[in-house]
Amino acid sequence: MSLGIVIVSHVPEIAAGVTTLIKQVAADVSITFAGGTDDNQVGTSMAKISTAFDDNAADELLAFYDLGSAKMNLEMAIEMSDKSVHLYDTALVESAYTAASLLQAGVDLTAVEAQLAPLKIK
């Protein structure tokens, strides 16, 4: 089983930028992203999220997002995906970076989730 990361943001440049940042510490982790609406405006797209799931080489995914409506599209995409997807209500940049660096180091999912717990948005 392999673990990968999916980044979802309302702004295409934020999704791409966070991905660029975390690839610096996780070159061997499969990381994909979905940013903006289908016409690259501010918002999210279930189709883009589904594509990010499909394009990710891992069979189990950790999904991080920026705002609440992204969570709604993520939840719908998760229901339609054949992959196991874990959705985190955590600070986007910090948690994605933490998860990526730990996955790169070979840390298991339980230990990754323990490190993400303090980053939960309340």
N, C-alpha and C. Protein backbone atom coordinates (compact mmCIF):
# COMPACT_ATOMS: atom_id res chain seq x y z
N MET A 1 0.84 -1.18 0.00
CA MET A 1 0.00 0.00 0.00
C MET A 1 0.89 1.25 0.00
N SER A 2 0.57 2.18 -0.87
CA SER A 2 1.33 3.42 -0.90
C SER A 2 0.43 4.58 -0.50
N LEU A 3 1.03 5.57 0.14
CA LEU A 3 0.30 6.76 0.59
C LEU A 3 0.71 7.96 -0.24
N GLY A 4 -0.28 8.74 -0.68
CA GLY A 4 -0.03 9.95 -1.44
C GLY A 4 -0.81 11.11 -0.85
N ILE A 5 -0.58 12.28 -1.41
CA ILE A 5 -1.21 13.51 -0.91
C ILE A 5 -1.94 14.21 -2.03
N VAL A 6 -3.13 14.76 -1.69
CA VAL A 6 -3.89 15.60 -2.61
C VAL A 6 -4.14 16.94 -1.92
N ILE A 7 -3.85 18.01 -2.63
CA ILE A 7 -4.04 19.38 -2.15
C ILE A 7 -5.22 19.99 -2.92
N VAL A 8 -6.17 20.59 -2.19
CA VAL A 8 -7.31 21.26 -2.83
C VAL A 8 -7.40 22.68 -2.30
N SER A 9 -7.42 23.64 -3.23
CA SER A 9 -7.55 25.04 -2.85
C SER A 9 -8.52 25.74 -3.79
N HIS A 10 -9.13 26.80 -3.29
CA HIS A 10 -10.02 27.62 -4.09
C HIS A 10 -9.27 28.41 -5.17
N VAL A 11 -7.97 28.57 -4.98
CA VAL A 11 -7.17 29.36 -5.92
C VAL A 11 -6.15 28.43 -6.58
N PRO A 12 -6.17 28.36 -7.92
CA PRO A 12 -5.23 27.45 -8.61
C PRO A 12 -3.78 27.65 -8.20
N GLU A 13 -3.36 28.90 -8.04
CA GLU A 13 -1.97 29.18 -7.71
C GLU A 13 -1.60 28.72 -6.30
N ILE A 14 -2.57 28.75 -5.38
CA ILE A 14 -2.29 28.26 -4.03
C ILE A 14 -2.10 26.74 -4.06
N ALA A 15 -2.99 26.04 -4.74
CA ALA A 15 -2.87 24.58 -4.84
C ALA A 15 -1.53 24.19 -5.46
N ALA A 16 -1.16 24.85 -6.53
CA ALA A 16 0.11 24.56 -7.20
C ALA A 16 1.30 24.95 -6.31
N GLY A 17 1.19 26.07 -5.63
CA GLY A 17 2.28 26.55 -4.78
C GLY A 17 2.54 25.65 -3.58
N VAL A 18 1.47 25.22 -2.92
CA VAL A 18 1.64 24.30 -1.79
C VAL A 18 2.26 23.00 -2.27
N THR A 19 1.82 22.53 -3.44
CA THR A 19 2.40 21.31 -4.00
C THR A 19 3.88 21.48 -4.28
N THR A 20 4.26 22.60 -4.86
CA THR A 20 5.68 22.88 -5.12
C THR A 20 6.47 22.88 -3.82
N LEU A 21 5.92 23.51 -2.78
CA LEU A 21 6.59 23.58 -1.48
C LEU A 21 6.81 22.19 -0.90
N ILE A 22 5.78 21.37 -0.85
CA ILE A 22 5.92 20.09 -0.17
C ILE A 22 6.73 19.08 -0.98
N LYS A 23 6.80 19.27 -2.29
CA LYS A 23 7.65 18.37 -3.09
C LYS A 23 9.12 18.58 -2.77
N GLN A 24 9.46 19.71 -2.15
CA GLN A 24 10.84 19.97 -1.76
C GLN A 24 11.30 19.02 -0.66
N VAL A 25 10.36 18.55 0.17
CA VAL A 25 10.72 17.64 1.26
C VAL A 25 10.23 16.22 1.01
N ALA A 26 9.50 16.01 -0.10
CA ALA A 26 8.90 14.69 -0.34
C ALA A 26 8.96 14.31 -1.81
N ALA A 27 10.15 14.24 -2.33
CA ALA A 27 10.34 13.95 -3.76
C ALA A 27 9.79 12.59 -4.18
N ASP A 28 9.72 11.65 -3.24
CA ASP A 28 9.28 10.29 -3.58
C ASP A 28 7.80 10.03 -3.26
N VAL A 29 7.09 11.04 -2.74
CA VAL A 29 5.68 10.90 -2.41
C VAL A 29 4.85 11.40 -3.59
N SER A 30 3.83 10.64 -3.98
CA SER A 30 2.95 11.08 -5.06
C SER A 30 2.05 12.20 -4.54
N ILE A 31 2.16 13.37 -5.17
CA ILE A 31 1.40 14.54 -4.74
C ILE A 31 0.69 15.12 -5.96
N THR A 32 -0.63 15.28 -5.86
CA THR A 32 -1.41 15.90 -6.92
C THR A 32 -2.25 17.01 -6.30
N PHE A 33 -2.81 17.85 -7.17
CA PHE A 33 -3.60 18.97 -6.63
C PHE A 33 -4.76 19.32 -7.55
N ALA A 34 -5.73 20.01 -6.94
CA ALA A 34 -6.88 20.56 -7.67
C ALA A 34 -7.08 21.98 -7.16
N GLY A 35 -7.02 22.94 -8.08
CA GLY A 35 -7.18 24.33 -7.67
C GLY A 35 -8.16 25.06 -8.56
N GLY A 36 -9.08 25.77 -7.93
CA GLY A 36 -10.03 26.59 -8.67
C GLY A 36 -11.17 25.79 -9.29
N THR A 37 -12.04 26.52 -9.96
CA THR A 37 -13.18 25.92 -10.64
C THR A 37 -12.75 25.35 -11.98
N ASP A 38 -13.69 24.76 -12.70
CA ASP A 38 -13.36 24.18 -14.01
C ASP A 38 -12.80 25.22 -14.98
N ASP A 39 -13.22 26.50 -14.82
CA ASP A 39 -12.69 27.56 -15.69
C ASP A 39 -11.63 28.41 -14.97
N ASN A 40 -11.00 27.81 -13.95
CA ASN A 40 -9.88 28.42 -13.21
C ASN A 40 -10.22 29.72 -12.49
N GLN A 41 -11.47 29.85 -12.08
CA GLN A 41 -11.86 30.96 -11.23
C GLN A 41 -11.72 30.52 -9.76
N VAL A 42 -11.98 31.44 -8.85
CA VAL A 42 -11.91 31.11 -7.43
C VAL A 42 -13.08 30.20 -7.07
N GLY A 43 -12.77 29.07 -6.46
CA GLY A 43 -13.77 28.07 -6.09
C GLY A 43 -13.14 26.69 -6.20
N THR A 44 -13.96 25.66 -6.16
CA THR A 44 -13.42 24.30 -6.31
C THR A 44 -14.26 23.52 -7.30
N SER A 45 -13.71 22.43 -7.76
CA SER A 45 -14.35 21.60 -8.78
C SER A 45 -14.25 20.13 -8.39
N MET A 46 -15.40 19.48 -8.27
CA MET A 46 -15.38 18.06 -7.97
C MET A 46 -14.67 17.28 -9.08
N ALA A 47 -14.84 17.72 -10.33
CA ALA A 47 -14.17 17.04 -11.45
C ALA A 47 -12.66 17.15 -11.32
N LYS A 48 -12.15 18.33 -10.97
CA LYS A 48 -10.70 18.49 -10.79
C LYS A 48 -10.19 17.65 -9.63
N ILE A 49 -10.98 17.59 -8.56
CA ILE A 49 -10.59 16.78 -7.41
C ILE A 49 -10.54 15.30 -7.79
N SER A 50 -11.55 14.84 -8.51
CA SER A 50 -11.58 13.44 -8.95
C SER A 50 -10.38 13.12 -9.83
N THR A 51 -10.02 14.05 -10.70
CA THR A 51 -8.85 13.86 -11.56
C THR A 51 -7.58 13.80 -10.71
N ALA A 52 -7.48 14.64 -9.70
CA ALA A 52 -6.31 14.61 -8.81
C ALA A 52 -6.21 13.28 -8.09
N PHE A 53 -7.36 12.72 -7.69
CA PHE A 53 -7.36 11.38 -7.07
C PHE A 53 -6.85 10.35 -8.08
N ASP A 54 -7.42 10.37 -9.28
CA ASP A 54 -7.08 9.38 -10.31
C ASP A 54 -5.62 9.48 -10.75
N ASP A 55 -5.12 10.71 -10.85
CA ASP A 55 -3.75 10.93 -11.33
C ASP A 55 -2.68 10.62 -10.28
N ASN A 56 -3.10 10.49 -9.03
CA ASN A 56 -2.15 10.21 -7.96
C ASN A 56 -1.77 8.73 -8.01
N ALA A 57 -0.49 8.44 -8.03
CA ALA A 57 0.00 7.07 -8.17
C ALA A 57 -0.25 6.20 -6.93
N ALA A 58 -0.53 6.82 -5.80
CA ALA A 58 -0.75 6.06 -4.55
C ALA A 58 -2.14 5.44 -4.53
N ASP A 59 -2.27 4.37 -3.73
CA ASP A 59 -3.60 3.76 -3.61
C ASP A 59 -4.37 4.26 -2.41
N GLU A 60 -3.71 4.96 -1.50
CA GLU A 60 -4.38 5.56 -0.35
C GLU A 60 -3.93 7.01 -0.27
N LEU A 61 -4.90 7.92 -0.08
CA LEU A 61 -4.60 9.34 -0.19
C LEU A 61 -4.92 10.11 1.09
N LEU A 62 -4.09 11.10 1.36
CA LEU A 62 -4.33 12.06 2.43
C LEU A 62 -4.72 13.36 1.75
N ALA A 63 -5.93 13.87 2.01
CA ALA A 63 -6.43 15.05 1.33
C ALA A 63 -6.48 16.25 2.28
N PHE A 64 -5.95 17.37 1.80
CA PHE A 64 -5.90 18.61 2.56
C PHE A 64 -6.57 19.71 1.74
N TYR A 65 -7.27 20.62 2.41
CA TYR A 65 -8.02 21.66 1.69
C TYR A 65 -7.94 22.98 2.45
N ASP A 66 -8.37 24.06 1.76
CA ASP A 66 -8.27 25.37 2.38
C ASP A 66 -9.54 25.87 3.07
N LEU A 67 -10.70 25.75 2.46
CA LEU A 67 -11.93 26.30 3.03
C LEU A 67 -13.07 25.29 2.97
N GLY A 68 -14.11 25.55 3.75
CA GLY A 68 -15.21 24.63 3.92
C GLY A 68 -15.89 24.11 2.68
N SER A 69 -16.11 24.95 1.66
CA SER A 69 -16.80 24.45 0.47
C SER A 69 -15.92 23.47 -0.31
N ALA A 70 -14.62 23.56 -0.15
CA ALA A 70 -13.72 22.57 -0.76
C ALA A 70 -13.96 21.21 -0.11
N LYS A 71 -14.24 21.22 1.17
CA LYS A 71 -14.51 19.97 1.89
C LYS A 71 -15.75 19.28 1.30
N MET A 72 -16.76 20.06 0.97
CA MET A 72 -17.98 19.50 0.40
C MET A 72 -17.69 18.79 -0.93
N ASN A 73 -16.93 19.43 -1.81
CA ASN A 73 -16.56 18.79 -3.08
C ASN A 73 -15.64 17.59 -2.87
N LEU A 74 -14.76 17.69 -1.89
CA LEU A 74 -13.89 16.55 -1.57
C LEU A 74 -14.72 15.35 -1.10
N GLU A 75 -15.70 15.60 -0.24
CA GLU A 75 -16.54 14.51 0.26
C GLU A 75 -17.29 13.83 -0.87
N MET A 76 -17.79 14.61 -1.83
CA MET A 76 -18.49 14.01 -2.98
C MET A 76 -17.52 13.20 -3.84
N ALA A 77 -16.33 13.74 -4.07
CA ALA A 77 -15.33 13.03 -4.88
C ALA A 77 -14.88 11.74 -4.19
N ILE A 78 -14.77 11.78 -2.87
CA ILE A 78 -14.37 10.59 -2.11
C ILE A 78 -15.39 9.48 -2.31
N GLU A 79 -16.67 9.84 -2.27
CA GLU A 79 -17.73 8.84 -2.45
C GLU A 79 -17.65 8.15 -3.81
N MET A 80 -17.11 8.84 -4.80
CA MET A 80 -17.04 8.31 -6.16
C MET A 80 -15.70 7.65 -6.48
N SER A 81 -14.75 7.74 -5.57
CA SER A 81 -13.41 7.22 -5.82
C SER A 81 -13.27 5.77 -5.37
N ASP A 82 -12.45 5.02 -6.09
CA ASP A 82 -12.12 3.66 -5.71
C ASP A 82 -10.99 3.63 -4.68
N LYS A 83 -10.32 4.76 -4.51
CA LYS A 83 -9.20 4.83 -3.57
C LYS A 83 -9.70 5.16 -2.17
N SER A 84 -8.93 4.74 -1.19
CA SER A 84 -9.20 5.12 0.18
C SER A 84 -8.63 6.52 0.38
N VAL A 85 -9.49 7.46 0.83
CA VAL A 85 -9.06 8.85 0.99
C VAL A 85 -9.35 9.30 2.42
N HIS A 86 -8.34 9.85 3.07
CA HIS A 86 -8.47 10.40 4.42
C HIS A 86 -8.52 11.91 4.28
N LEU A 87 -9.54 12.53 4.85
CA LEU A 87 -9.76 13.96 4.74
C LEU A 87 -9.43 14.62 6.07
N TYR A 88 -8.60 15.66 6.03
CA TYR A 88 -8.14 16.29 7.26
C TYR A 88 -8.62 17.74 7.36
N ASP A 89 -9.23 18.06 8.51
CA ASP A 89 -9.67 19.41 8.83
C ASP A 89 -8.54 20.11 9.58
N THR A 90 -7.45 20.34 8.87
CA THR A 90 -6.25 20.88 9.49
C THR A 90 -5.75 22.08 8.68
N ALA A 91 -4.82 22.82 9.26
CA ALA A 91 -4.21 23.95 8.57
C ALA A 91 -3.52 23.44 7.31
N LEU A 92 -3.91 23.96 6.17
CA LEU A 92 -3.50 23.42 4.86
C LEU A 92 -1.98 23.31 4.70
N VAL A 93 -1.29 24.41 4.74
CA VAL A 93 0.15 24.39 4.42
C VAL A 93 0.92 23.58 5.46
N GLU A 94 0.67 23.86 6.72
CA GLU A 94 1.43 23.20 7.78
C GLU A 94 1.18 21.70 7.80
N SER A 95 -0.07 21.29 7.65
CA SER A 95 -0.37 19.86 7.73
C SER A 95 0.09 19.10 6.49
N ALA A 96 -0.07 19.70 5.31
CA ALA A 96 0.41 19.04 4.10
C ALA A 96 1.93 18.88 4.14
N TYR A 97 2.63 19.90 4.60
CA TYR A 97 4.08 19.84 4.71
C TYR A 97 4.51 18.78 5.72
N THR A 98 3.85 18.77 6.87
CA THR A 98 4.15 17.78 7.91
C THR A 98 3.93 16.36 7.39
N ALA A 99 2.76 16.13 6.79
CA ALA A 99 2.44 14.79 6.27
C ALA A 99 3.44 14.36 5.20
N ALA A 100 3.74 15.26 4.27
CA ALA A 100 4.64 14.92 3.18
C ALA A 100 6.03 14.55 3.69
N SER A 101 6.55 15.34 4.63
CA SER A 101 7.89 15.05 5.14
C SER A 101 7.92 13.74 5.91
N LEU A 102 6.86 13.46 6.65
CA LEU A 102 6.80 12.19 7.39
C LEU A 102 6.64 11.00 6.46
N LEU A 103 5.80 11.13 5.43
CA LEU A 103 5.65 10.04 4.46
C LEU A 103 6.97 9.78 3.74
N GLN A 104 7.69 10.83 3.40
CA GLN A 104 8.99 10.69 2.75
C GLN A 104 9.95 9.90 3.63
N ALA A 105 9.82 10.09 4.95
CA ALA A 105 10.70 9.40 5.90
C ALA A 105 10.22 7.98 6.21
N GLY A 106 9.09 7.58 5.62
CA GLY A 106 8.60 6.22 5.81
C GLY A 106 7.76 6.01 7.06
N VAL A 107 7.27 7.10 7.63
CA VAL A 107 6.44 7.02 8.83
C VAL A 107 5.07 6.48 8.45
N ASP A 108 4.48 5.64 9.31
CA ASP A 108 3.18 5.06 8.97
C ASP A 108 2.03 6.05 9.23
N LEU A 109 0.86 5.72 8.69
CA LEU A 109 -0.29 6.62 8.73
C LEU A 109 -0.71 6.98 10.15
N THR A 110 -0.68 6.04 11.05
CA THR A 110 -1.07 6.31 12.44
C THR A 110 -0.18 7.38 13.06
N ALA A 111 1.11 7.28 12.83
CA ALA A 111 2.05 8.26 13.38
C ALA A 111 1.89 9.61 12.68
N VAL A 112 1.63 9.61 11.38
CA VAL A 112 1.38 10.86 10.65
C VAL A 112 0.16 11.55 11.25
N GLU A 113 -0.91 10.80 11.44
CA GLU A 113 -2.14 11.39 11.97
C GLU A 113 -1.94 11.93 13.38
N ALA A 114 -1.09 11.30 14.17
CA ALA A 114 -0.80 11.81 15.51
C ALA A 114 -0.12 13.18 15.43
N GLN A 115 0.74 13.36 14.43
CA GLN A 115 1.42 14.65 14.24
C GLN A 115 0.47 15.72 13.69
N LEU A 116 -0.56 15.30 12.94
CA LEU A 116 -1.53 16.24 12.37
C LEU A 116 -2.56 16.71 13.39
N ALA A 117 -2.79 15.93 14.43
CA ALA A 117 -3.84 16.24 15.40
C ALA A 117 -3.75 17.67 15.98
N PRO A 118 -2.57 18.16 16.36
CA PRO A 118 -2.51 19.52 16.91
C PRO A 118 -2.79 20.62 15.88
N LEU A 119 -2.80 20.26 14.60
CA LEU A 119 -3.03 21.24 13.54
C LEU A 119 -4.50 21.33 13.14
N LYS A 120 -5.36 20.61 13.86
CA LYS A 120 -6.79 20.59 13.55
C LYS A 120 -7.40 21.98 13.72
N ILE A 121 -8.22 22.35 12.75
CA ILE A 121 -8.95 23.61 12.81
C ILE A 121 -10.22 23.37 13.64
N LYS A 122 -10.43 24.18 14.65
CA LYS A 122 -11.59 23.96 15.53
C LYS A 122 -12.75 24.84 15.17
